Amino acid sequence: METLGNLAFGLGVALSWQNLIYCFIGCFLGTLVGVLPGIGPVATVAMLLPFTFGLGPAPALIMLAGIYYGAQYGGSTTAILVNIPGESSSVVTTLDGHQMARKGRAGPALGISAIGSFIAGCISTLVVGYFAPPLADVALKFGPAEYFSLMVFGLIAAVVLARGSVIKAIAMVCFGILLGLVGTDVNSGSIRFAFGAPELADGIGFVALAMAFFGITDVVMNLEHTDKTDVYKERIGSVLPSLDDIKTSFWSIMRGTGLGSILGILPGGGALLASFAAYMFEKKIAKPPRHFGEGDIRGVAAPESANNAGAQTSFIPMLTLGIPSNPTMALMIGALMIQGIQPGPQVMTERPELFWGLVASMWIGNLMLLVLNLPLIGLWVKLLAVPYRLLFPAIFVFCCIGVYTVDNKIFDVYVLAALTAVGYILIKLDCEPAPLILGFILGPMMEEQMRRAMMINFGDVSVFFTRPLSAAFLIGAAVLMLIIALPALRAKRDVAMQE
């Protein structure tokens, strides 16, 4: 009953006219970036971080959250109509969604995608509301040693679940931690890793780093692809699926929602891992006749439900533990820090209007997305015809202006340019930027908690191993590293990631 009362309180916050407007803006932009290939939610959230400076914490977080879970809705539109996923978590939807479109069933595919996402979003919001408070209560009992060990475990888990080479993922995490340590040492007051540049005394700007690696670098990489997109020109027809389609898809939606809700909480998981896992699981247990890969509606319903559920439950570790489960959540933590709020369990007790307002806004946002996606399919199809060469100059200018307006320093624009060059080289070397941003966010926090634990215990390192919870997290991290080091298991991981 207490949770229901808190959700009712959150609805009161979310239904204020200001929060409703920013929720709609976030959902609309999220759908838009999901529809337009080449512009993901991470880049959009990074570009809009400077815009949130003038907002309160609640409307800022509600808008950024709407962009994230809204992109899961919009990404299915291009996946089904053009066979190009607008968002990475919609890759699996292309397998059956586009085949349905080629058979003249684009309408039901789009409809079941929106309905499945809506149901999953509503259920996963309840999961967030019910499971976040007890997890926050446990987190309030954590000391510096437990927080340090938890962050180590989170980073190792993110490395294990990252795509590509494990060695490269570890290197990117370490590089991100090093970048996060640039600036003034809190304890001694000395400036470190600044190479004589006084402008770096406050450290590398989070906004500049985020925009460089997820904004301008994405633009440059997309400009290298000259593939032409064939926009779907046939009549889509009714987007409402038939009763038989709904019966066939119902349990697929439920299974996808359950799987996505669980996987969304894992570090490195989120919507992408959830959609792949739901599709593979559905292929194994779905009742005949099976036509996966040939236009089976269950191959659309399961991953689309899973990616939306995973997107929303990934807020649980971010809000309760201050641990980002994916790059977008890392940007959300950055947005909280910009607002002067330290992410973690104290957010729920000290800022209940922020926490419960965000949770309740997810319900409202999912309803808005259902309204946006079904009637406006024709508009999204027309937007697909916009050439990318018209979009990239606007993105580039927006990034430069956004970085400059943070502190009104031209030095920040130079930092943006330098980090963009580094990001481009790293991506060319097949190094994923996601582990870097997680390391950049968690690195200074890990250092702070480690030094605090050492000071409390007079420099005794054993504190990390004698406290049960801390030791459990470190053992878990060691087990994950051992598992990934075994050749047979590493080969299975590589095959799974390739699929």
Protein backbone atom coordinates (compact mmCIF):
# COMPACT_ATOMS: atom_id res chain seq x y z
CA MET A 1 0.00 0.00 0.00
CA GLU A 2 2.91 2.31 0.76
CA THR A 3 4.22 1.86 -2.78
CA LEU A 4 0.80 2.66 -4.24
CA GLY A 5 0.65 5.78 -2.09
CA ASN A 6 4.09 6.83 -3.32
CA LEU A 7 3.06 6.22 -6.93
CA ALA A 8 -0.03 8.37 -6.39
CA PHE A 9 2.25 11.09 -4.97
CA GLY A 10 4.49 10.69 -8.02
CA LEU A 11 1.52 11.04 -10.37
CA GLY A 12 0.71 14.35 -8.71
CA VAL A 13 4.25 15.52 -9.49
CA ALA A 14 4.30 14.12 -13.04
CA LEU A 15 0.90 15.64 -13.91
CA SER A 16 2.04 19.21 -13.27
CA TRP A 17 1.86 21.21 -16.51
CA GLN A 18 5.63 21.75 -16.68
CA ASN A 19 6.50 18.09 -16.21
CA LEU A 20 3.81 17.03 -18.70
CA ILE A 21 5.28 19.35 -21.34
CA TYR A 22 8.83 18.07 -20.83
CA CYS A 23 7.62 14.46 -20.75
CA PHE A 24 5.95 15.03 -24.14
CA ILE A 25 9.08 16.74 -25.52
CA GLY A 26 11.21 13.80 -24.38
CA CYS A 27 8.85 11.19 -25.83
CA PHE A 28 8.55 13.05 -29.13
CA LEU A 29 12.32 13.52 -29.46
CA GLY A 30 12.89 9.91 -28.42
CA THR A 31 10.55 8.64 -31.12
CA LEU A 32 12.17 10.98 -33.62
CA VAL A 33 15.74 9.83 -32.91
CA GLY A 34 14.54 6.24 -32.92
CA VAL A 35 13.01 6.70 -36.38
CA LEU A 36 15.99 8.52 -37.91
CA PRO A 37 18.87 6.05 -38.40
CA GLY A 38 22.23 7.35 -37.23
CA ILE A 39 20.97 9.47 -34.32
CA GLY A 40 20.67 7.40 -31.16
CA PRO A 41 19.31 8.25 -27.71
CA VAL A 42 22.81 8.45 -26.21
CA ALA A 43 23.83 11.17 -28.68
CA THR A 44 20.56 13.04 -28.19
CA VAL A 45 20.76 12.95 -24.38
CA ALA A 46 24.40 14.11 -24.60
CA MET A 47 23.45 17.02 -26.86
CA LEU A 48 20.57 18.10 -24.60
CA LEU A 49 22.56 18.07 -21.35
CA PRO A 50 23.36 21.82 -21.55
CA PHE A 51 19.66 22.53 -22.13
CA THR A 52 18.82 20.93 -18.76
CA PHE A 53 20.88 23.50 -16.82
CA GLY A 54 17.95 25.91 -16.75
CA LEU A 55 15.43 23.24 -15.71
CA GLY A 56 14.65 21.79 -12.32
CA PRO A 57 15.92 18.26 -11.56
CA ALA A 58 12.50 16.60 -12.03
CA PRO A 59 11.58 18.03 -15.48
CA ALA A 60 15.19 17.54 -16.69
CA LEU A 61 15.27 13.86 -15.72
CA ILE A 62 11.71 13.24 -16.96
CA MET A 63 12.59 14.68 -20.39
CA LEU A 64 15.86 12.74 -20.71
CA ALA A 65 14.14 9.53 -19.59
CA GLY A 66 11.41 10.06 -22.21
CA ILE A 67 14.11 10.30 -24.90
CA TYR A 68 15.62 7.00 -23.79
CA TYR A 69 12.54 4.79 -23.61
CA GLY A 70 10.88 6.69 -26.47
CA ALA A 71 13.71 5.69 -28.79
CA GLN A 72 12.83 2.03 -28.20
CA TYR A 73 9.38 2.74 -29.70
CA GLY A 74 10.65 4.73 -32.69
CA GLY A 75 13.46 2.31 -33.55
CA SER A 76 10.97 -0.35 -34.59
CA THR A 77 9.47 1.86 -37.33
CA THR A 78 12.57 1.88 -39.52
CA ALA A 79 13.36 -1.73 -38.60
CA ILE A 80 9.99 -2.85 -39.98
CA LEU A 81 9.57 -0.48 -42.93
CA VAL A 82 13.13 0.00 -44.21
CA ASN A 83 15.01 -2.98 -42.70
CA ILE A 84 17.34 -0.51 -40.93
CA PRO A 85 17.12 -0.40 -37.12
CA GLY A 86 16.79 3.19 -35.95
CA GLU A 87 18.09 2.10 -32.53
CA SER A 88 20.50 -0.77 -31.74
CA SER A 89 17.94 -2.63 -29.63
CA SER A 90 15.67 -2.86 -32.70
CA VAL A 91 18.17 -4.91 -34.72
CA VAL A 92 16.31 -8.14 -33.97
CA THR A 93 12.99 -6.61 -35.03
CA THR A 94 14.24 -6.38 -38.62
CA LEU A 95 14.33 -10.19 -38.92
CA ASP A 96 10.57 -10.73 -38.83
CA GLY A 97 9.22 -7.18 -38.90
CA HIS A 98 10.55 -6.37 -42.37
CA GLN A 99 9.43 -9.75 -43.70
CA MET A 100 5.91 -8.95 -42.48
CA ALA A 101 6.10 -5.59 -44.29
CA ARG A 102 7.18 -7.29 -47.53
CA LYS A 103 4.14 -9.56 -47.25
CA GLY A 104 1.83 -6.54 -46.92
CA ARG A 105 1.48 -6.78 -43.13
CA ALA A 106 3.46 -3.67 -42.13
CA GLY A 107 0.42 -2.27 -40.28
CA PRO A 108 -0.05 -5.20 -37.86
CA ALA A 109 3.73 -5.38 -37.31
CA LEU A 110 3.85 -1.70 -36.32
CA GLY A 111 0.70 -2.08 -34.24
CA ILE A 112 1.85 -5.09 -32.23
CA SER A 113 5.21 -3.39 -31.71
CA ALA A 114 3.55 -0.31 -30.19
CA ILE A 115 1.05 -2.33 -28.13
CA GLY A 116 3.74 -4.71 -26.84
CA SER A 117 5.98 -1.79 -25.91
CA PHE A 118 3.09 -0.07 -24.10
CA ILE A 119 2.18 -3.16 -22.06
CA ALA A 120 5.84 -3.83 -21.23
CA GLY A 121 6.38 -0.20 -20.24
CA CYS A 122 3.41 -0.19 -17.87
CA ILE A 123 4.40 -3.47 -16.19
CA SER A 124 8.09 -2.57 -15.88
CA THR A 125 7.14 0.77 -14.29
CA LEU A 126 5.42 -1.22 -11.54
CA VAL A 127 8.59 -3.31 -11.20
CA VAL A 128 10.63 -0.13 -10.73
CA GLY A 129 8.13 1.18 -8.15
CA TYR A 130 8.07 -2.05 -6.12
CA PHE A 131 11.70 -3.20 -6.25
CA ALA A 132 13.60 0.09 -6.11
CA PRO A 133 12.62 1.07 -2.51
CA PRO A 134 13.82 -2.16 -0.81
CA LEU A 135 17.04 -2.04 -2.84
CA ALA A 136 17.56 1.57 -1.75
CA ASP A 137 17.00 0.56 1.90
CA VAL A 138 19.76 -2.04 1.56
CA ALA A 139 22.02 0.49 -0.19
CA LEU A 140 21.64 2.95 2.70
CA LYS A 141 23.49 0.43 4.87
CA PHE A 142 26.47 0.39 2.51
CA GLY A 143 29.75 1.87 3.71
CA PRO A 144 32.62 3.21 1.55
CA ALA A 145 34.12 -0.29 1.19
CA GLU A 146 30.83 -1.76 -0.09
CA TYR A 147 30.35 1.08 -2.58
CA PHE A 148 33.88 0.68 -3.93
CA SER A 149 33.47 -3.08 -4.38
CA LEU A 150 30.02 -2.64 -5.95
CA MET A 151 31.44 -0.21 -8.51
CA VAL A 152 34.29 -2.62 -9.32
CA PHE A 153 31.74 -5.41 -9.82
CA GLY A 154 29.57 -3.16 -12.01
CA LEU A 155 32.46 -2.20 -14.27
CA ILE A 156 33.64 -5.82 -14.63
CA ALA A 157 30.09 -6.95 -15.45
CA ALA A 158 29.81 -4.20 -18.06
CA VAL A 159 33.09 -5.38 -19.62
CA VAL A 160 31.90 -9.00 -19.77
CA LEU A 161 28.65 -8.00 -21.46
CA ALA A 162 30.28 -5.47 -23.82
CA ARG A 163 30.49 -6.27 -27.52
CA GLY A 164 33.85 -6.99 -29.09
CA SER A 165 37.20 -7.72 -27.47
CA VAL A 166 37.31 -8.03 -23.68
CA ILE A 167 40.86 -6.64 -23.63
CA LYS A 168 39.74 -3.56 -25.54
CA ALA A 169 36.74 -3.12 -23.24
CA ILE A 170 39.01 -3.26 -20.16
CA ALA A 171 41.40 -0.77 -21.81
CA MET A 172 38.49 1.60 -22.50
CA VAL A 173 37.31 1.38 -18.88
CA CYS A 174 40.83 2.19 -17.64
CA PHE A 175 41.11 5.07 -20.13
CA GLY A 176 37.77 6.43 -18.91
CA ILE A 177 38.91 6.21 -15.27
CA LEU A 178 42.12 8.09 -16.13
CA LEU A 179 40.16 10.84 -17.90
CA GLY A 180 37.87 11.09 -14.87
CA LEU A 181 40.88 11.63 -12.57
CA VAL A 182 42.10 14.72 -14.44
CA GLY A 183 41.83 17.87 -12.31
CA THR A 184 42.27 18.86 -8.67
CA ASP A 185 42.81 16.15 -6.07
CA VAL A 186 40.14 16.64 -3.41
CA ASN A 187 42.38 15.54 -0.54
CA SER A 188 45.68 17.27 -1.34
CA GLY A 189 44.42 20.13 -3.51
CA SER A 190 47.14 19.50 -6.11
CA ILE A 191 46.34 19.54 -9.83
CA ARG A 192 47.05 16.25 -11.59
CA PHE A 193 47.20 15.12 -15.23
CA ALA A 194 46.53 18.68 -16.44
CA PHE A 195 49.87 19.06 -18.33
CA GLY A 196 50.18 22.67 -17.31
CA ALA A 197 46.74 23.71 -18.58
CA PRO A 198 44.99 25.72 -15.81
CA GLU A 199 41.65 25.25 -17.62
CA LEU A 200 41.82 21.54 -16.69
CA ALA A 201 41.97 22.28 -12.95
CA ASP A 202 38.26 21.43 -12.71
CA GLY A 203 38.71 18.29 -14.83
CA ILE A 204 37.51 17.35 -18.29
CA GLY A 205 33.92 18.47 -18.81
CA PHE A 206 31.42 15.62 -18.82
CA VAL A 207 29.30 17.34 -21.47
CA ALA A 208 32.29 17.75 -23.81
CA LEU A 209 33.26 14.08 -23.39
CA ALA A 210 29.70 12.83 -23.94
CA MET A 211 29.12 14.98 -27.02
CA ALA A 212 32.52 14.06 -28.51
CA PHE A 213 32.12 10.29 -28.18
CA PHE A 214 28.37 9.98 -28.75
CA GLY A 215 27.52 13.08 -30.79
CA ILE A 216 30.08 14.32 -33.30
CA THR A 217 31.91 10.96 -33.61
CA ASP A 218 28.60 9.30 -34.53
CA VAL A 219 28.03 11.99 -37.17
CA VAL A 220 31.48 11.42 -38.69
CA MET A 221 31.02 7.64 -38.73
CA ASN A 222 27.59 7.93 -40.35
CA LEU A 223 28.95 10.19 -43.08
CA GLU A 224 31.24 7.35 -44.14
CA HIS A 225 28.23 5.21 -45.05
CA THR A 226 26.89 6.12 -48.46
CA ASP A 227 24.17 3.46 -48.56
CA LYS A 228 20.88 4.64 -50.00
CA THR A 229 17.73 4.05 -48.01
CA ASP A 230 14.67 2.81 -49.84
CA VAL A 231 11.72 4.41 -48.09
CA TYR A 232 8.64 2.21 -47.81
CA LYS A 233 6.21 3.46 -50.42
CA GLU A 234 3.34 0.96 -50.23
CA ARG A 235 0.16 1.70 -48.33
CA ILE A 236 0.56 0.60 -44.71
CA GLY A 237 -3.13 0.17 -44.00
CA SER A 238 -4.62 -0.38 -40.55
CA VAL A 239 -2.07 -0.54 -37.75
CA LEU A 240 -4.47 -2.37 -35.43
CA PRO A 241 -3.56 -6.08 -35.27
CA SER A 242 -6.33 -8.66 -35.61
CA LEU A 243 -7.69 -10.67 -32.69
CA ASP A 244 -5.71 -13.71 -33.90
CA ASP A 245 -2.51 -11.64 -33.98
CA ILE A 246 -3.10 -10.50 -30.40
CA LYS A 247 -3.81 -14.07 -29.22
CA THR A 248 -0.68 -15.35 -30.94
CA SER A 249 1.47 -12.57 -29.49
CA PHE A 250 0.06 -12.25 -25.96
CA TRP A 251 2.36 -14.70 -24.18
CA SER A 252 5.32 -13.54 -26.28
CA ILE A 253 4.71 -10.02 -24.97
CA MET A 254 4.49 -11.32 -21.39
CA ARG A 255 7.66 -13.41 -21.69
CA GLY A 256 9.52 -10.55 -23.36
CA THR A 257 8.40 -8.16 -20.61
CA GLY A 258 9.56 -10.50 -17.84
CA LEU A 259 12.91 -11.22 -19.45
CA GLY A 260 13.51 -7.57 -20.30
CA SER A 261 12.63 -6.43 -16.77
CA ILE A 262 15.27 -8.76 -15.31
CA LEU A 263 18.04 -8.12 -17.86
CA GLY A 264 17.55 -4.36 -17.76
CA ILE A 265 18.85 -4.25 -14.19
CA LEU A 266 22.17 -5.92 -15.05
CA PRO A 267 25.25 -3.73 -15.65
CA GLY A 268 25.90 -3.63 -19.39
CA GLY A 269 22.45 -5.07 -20.04
CA GLY A 270 19.53 -2.81 -20.79
CA ALA A 271 17.39 -2.78 -23.90
CA LEU A 272 19.93 -4.25 -26.34
CA LEU A 273 20.69 -7.43 -24.42
CA ALA A 274 17.00 -7.84 -23.50
CA SER A 275 15.76 -7.73 -27.11
CA PHE A 276 18.31 -10.31 -28.33
CA ALA A 277 17.66 -12.67 -25.40
CA ALA A 278 13.86 -12.42 -25.80
CA TYR A 279 14.03 -13.27 -29.51
CA MET A 280 16.29 -16.29 -28.97
CA PHE A 281 14.13 -17.49 -26.06
CA GLU A 282 10.95 -17.09 -28.12
CA LYS A 283 12.40 -19.12 -31.00
CA LYS A 284 13.08 -22.00 -28.63
CA ILE A 285 9.73 -22.21 -26.81
CA ALA A 286 7.12 -20.78 -29.22
CA LYS A 287 4.43 -23.22 -30.23
CA PRO A 288 4.26 -24.37 -33.86
CA PRO A 289 3.69 -23.29 -36.54
CA ARG A 290 6.95 -21.32 -36.32
CA HIS A 291 8.02 -18.97 -39.10
CA PHE A 292 10.76 -17.00 -37.39
CA GLY A 293 12.80 -15.07 -39.93
CA GLU A 294 9.94 -15.30 -42.42
CA GLY A 295 7.46 -12.88 -40.86
CA ASP A 296 6.35 -14.41 -37.54
CA ILE A 297 4.55 -11.73 -35.50
CA ARG A 298 5.96 -13.22 -32.28
CA GLY A 299 9.42 -12.27 -33.57
CA VAL A 300 8.30 -8.63 -33.39
CA ALA A 301 6.24 -8.75 -30.19
CA ALA A 302 8.84 -10.42 -27.93
CA PRO A 303 11.94 -8.25 -28.62
CA GLU A 304 9.96 -5.00 -28.77
CA SER A 305 8.38 -5.75 -25.39
CA ALA A 306 11.74 -6.79 -23.95
CA ASN A 307 13.67 -3.73 -25.10
CA ASN A 308 11.10 -1.34 -23.62
CA ALA A 309 10.95 -3.24 -20.32
CA GLY A 310 14.76 -3.35 -20.19
CA ALA A 311 15.01 0.37 -20.89
CA GLN A 312 12.80 1.21 -17.93
CA THR A 313 14.17 -1.23 -15.33
CA SER A 314 17.71 -0.03 -16.11
CA PHE A 315 16.73 3.02 -14.03
CA ILE A 316 16.69 0.87 -10.87
CA PRO A 317 20.48 0.60 -10.27
CA MET A 318 20.96 4.20 -11.40
CA LEU A 319 18.41 5.64 -8.98
CA THR A 320 19.01 3.37 -6.00
CA LEU A 321 22.76 2.63 -6.11
CA GLY A 322 24.11 5.43 -8.29
CA ILE A 323 25.52 2.75 -10.64
CA PRO A 324 24.82 3.21 -14.39
CA SER A 325 23.88 0.01 -16.22
CA ASN A 326 24.52 1.47 -19.70
CA PRO A 327 25.87 4.67 -21.34
CA THR A 328 22.50 6.45 -21.28
CA MET A 329 22.19 5.86 -17.54
CA ALA A 330 25.73 7.23 -17.15
CA LEU A 331 24.55 10.41 -18.88
CA MET A 332 21.54 10.54 -16.54
CA ILE A 333 23.91 10.40 -13.56
CA GLY A 334 25.85 13.24 -15.20
CA ALA A 335 22.62 15.23 -15.48
CA LEU A 336 21.92 14.68 -11.76
CA MET A 337 25.44 15.79 -10.83
CA ILE A 338 25.05 18.92 -12.97
CA GLN A 339 21.94 19.69 -10.91
CA GLY A 340 24.00 19.28 -7.72
CA ILE A 341 22.38 15.96 -6.75
CA GLN A 342 24.55 13.01 -5.73
CA PRO A 343 22.99 9.85 -7.25
CA GLY A 344 22.35 7.00 -4.86
CA PRO A 345 19.84 5.74 -2.29
CA GLN A 346 19.58 9.13 -0.59
CA VAL A 347 17.74 10.47 -3.67
CA MET A 348 14.66 8.48 -2.66
CA THR A 349 14.67 9.76 0.91
CA GLU A 350 15.86 13.32 0.36
CA ARG A 351 14.18 14.00 -3.03
CA PRO A 352 11.05 11.78 -3.12
CA GLU A 353 9.34 14.13 -5.59
CA LEU A 354 12.21 13.52 -8.04
CA PHE A 355 12.24 9.73 -7.69
CA TRP A 356 8.50 9.06 -7.62
CA GLY A 357 7.78 11.80 -10.16
CA LEU A 358 10.16 10.11 -12.61
CA VAL A 359 8.65 6.65 -12.01
CA ALA A 360 5.08 7.92 -12.47
CA SER A 361 6.07 9.89 -15.58
CA MET A 362 6.99 6.58 -17.24
CA TRP A 363 3.31 5.59 -17.21
CA ILE A 364 2.30 8.91 -18.71
CA GLY A 365 5.16 8.71 -21.22
CA ASN A 366 4.15 5.24 -22.38
CA LEU A 367 0.60 6.46 -23.00
CA MET A 368 1.94 9.45 -24.94
CA LEU A 369 4.15 7.14 -27.01
CA LEU A 370 1.22 4.90 -27.89
CA VAL A 371 -0.69 7.96 -29.11
CA LEU A 372 2.36 9.29 -30.98
CA ASN A 373 3.33 6.03 -32.68
CA LEU A 374 0.06 4.64 -34.00
CA PRO A 375 -1.58 7.71 -35.63
CA LEU A 376 1.66 9.37 -36.78
CA ILE A 377 3.19 6.45 -38.69
CA GLY A 378 2.70 8.36 -41.97
CA LEU A 379 4.70 11.31 -40.63
CA TRP A 380 7.57 9.08 -39.51
CA VAL A 381 7.69 7.47 -42.95
CA LYS A 382 8.03 10.90 -44.58
CA LEU A 383 10.83 11.82 -42.17
CA LEU A 384 12.80 8.82 -43.40
CA ALA A 385 13.16 10.59 -46.75
CA VAL A 386 15.15 13.46 -45.15
CA PRO A 387 18.80 13.13 -46.37
CA TYR A 388 21.35 12.73 -43.60
CA ARG A 389 23.52 15.47 -45.16
CA LEU A 390 20.86 17.97 -44.03
CA LEU A 391 20.91 16.67 -40.45
CA PHE A 392 24.61 16.47 -39.65
CA PRO A 393 25.47 20.22 -39.88
CA ALA A 394 22.69 20.99 -37.38
CA ILE A 395 23.96 18.29 -34.99
CA PHE A 396 27.54 19.57 -35.27
CA VAL A 397 26.59 23.20 -34.57
CA PHE A 398 24.27 22.18 -31.71
CA CYS A 399 27.09 20.22 -30.04
CA CYS A 400 29.57 23.12 -30.28
CA ILE A 401 27.07 25.66 -28.94
CA GLY A 402 26.01 23.31 -26.14
CA VAL A 403 29.58 22.71 -24.97
CA TYR A 404 30.42 26.43 -25.10
CA THR A 405 27.36 27.49 -23.09
CA VAL A 406 28.25 25.25 -20.11
CA ASP A 407 31.03 27.61 -18.85
CA ASN A 408 31.25 30.12 -21.74
CA LYS A 409 34.85 29.02 -22.42
CA ILE A 410 36.25 28.49 -25.92
CA PHE A 411 38.69 26.00 -24.34
CA ASP A 412 35.80 23.56 -23.93
CA VAL A 413 35.23 23.61 -27.70
CA TYR A 414 38.94 22.74 -28.21
CA VAL A 415 38.53 19.86 -25.74
CA LEU A 416 35.47 18.72 -27.74
CA ALA A 417 37.50 18.72 -30.96
CA ALA A 418 40.42 16.83 -29.38
CA LEU A 419 38.15 14.20 -27.79
CA THR A 420 36.27 13.78 -31.08
CA ALA A 421 39.54 12.95 -32.85
CA VAL A 422 40.40 10.45 -30.08
CA GLY A 423 36.90 8.94 -30.24
CA TYR A 424 37.08 8.52 -34.02
CA ILE A 425 40.43 6.72 -33.80
CA LEU A 426 39.18 4.44 -31.01
CA ILE A 427 36.04 3.48 -32.95
CA LYS A 428 38.19 2.78 -36.02
CA LEU A 429 40.18 0.42 -33.79
CA ASP A 430 36.91 -1.36 -32.85
CA CYS A 431 36.93 0.02 -29.30
CA GLU A 432 33.42 0.55 -27.95
CA PRO A 433 32.98 3.98 -26.28
CA ALA A 434 30.36 2.70 -23.81
CA PRO A 435 32.85 1.22 -21.27
CA LEU A 436 34.83 4.48 -21.42
CA ILE A 437 31.88 6.64 -20.34
CA LEU A 438 31.09 4.19 -17.51
CA GLY A 439 34.71 4.37 -16.35
CA PHE A 440 34.68 8.18 -16.57
CA ILE A 441 31.58 8.43 -14.36
CA LEU A 442 32.52 5.74 -11.86
CA GLY A 443 36.30 6.40 -11.69
CA PRO A 444 36.21 9.50 -9.43
CA MET A 445 33.45 7.94 -7.32
CA MET A 446 35.51 4.74 -6.89
CA GLU A 447 38.56 6.77 -5.88
CA GLU A 448 36.56 8.78 -3.35
CA GLN A 449 35.01 5.68 -1.74
CA MET A 450 38.31 3.78 -1.70
CA ARG A 451 40.22 6.64 -0.04
CA ARG A 452 37.41 7.19 2.44
CA ALA A 453 37.42 3.50 3.40
CA MET A 454 41.21 3.52 3.76
CA MET A 455 41.18 6.67 5.94
CA ILE A 456 38.46 5.28 8.23
CA ASN A 457 40.48 2.06 8.69
CA PHE A 458 43.90 3.74 8.98
CA GLY A 459 45.20 2.45 5.65
CA ASP A 460 44.24 -1.19 6.26
CA VAL A 461 43.45 -2.77 2.86
CA SER A 462 41.83 -5.80 4.50
CA VAL A 463 38.65 -3.76 5.09
CA PHE A 464 37.57 -4.58 1.51
CA PHE A 465 37.78 -8.32 2.22
CA THR A 466 36.64 -8.55 5.84
CA ARG A 467 33.29 -6.83 5.36
CA PRO A 468 30.89 -9.51 4.00
CA LEU A 469 29.08 -7.47 1.32
CA SER A 470 32.29 -5.90 0.04
CA ALA A 471 33.99 -9.27 -0.14
CA ALA A 472 30.97 -10.77 -1.96
CA PHE A 473 31.10 -8.09 -4.67
CA LEU A 474 34.86 -8.52 -5.14
CA ILE A 475 34.51 -12.33 -5.32
CA GLY A 476 31.74 -11.87 -7.89
CA ALA A 477 33.99 -9.60 -9.96
CA ALA A 478 36.84 -12.13 -9.74
CA VAL A 479 34.53 -14.98 -10.81
CA LEU A 480 33.36 -12.95 -13.82
CA MET A 481 36.96 -12.30 -14.85
CA LEU A 482 37.84 -15.97 -14.38
CA ILE A 483 34.87 -17.08 -16.45
CA ILE A 484 35.74 -14.79 -19.33
CA ALA A 485 39.38 -15.93 -19.16
CA LEU A 486 38.48 -19.60 -19.77
CA PRO A 487 38.92 -20.34 -23.52
CA ALA A 488 35.74 -22.42 -23.96
CA LEU A 489 33.51 -19.86 -22.26
CA ARG A 490 35.20 -16.96 -24.04
CA ALA A 491 34.51 -18.65 -27.38
CA LYS A 492 30.82 -19.08 -26.45
CA ARG A 493 30.63 -15.41 -25.47
CA ASP A 494 32.18 -14.32 -28.77
CA VAL A 495 29.68 -16.45 -30.73
CA ALA A 496 26.76 -15.06 -28.72
CA MET A 497 27.90 -11.46 -29.25
CA GLN A 498 28.39 -12.08 -32.97
CA GLU A 499 24.84 -13.46 -33.25
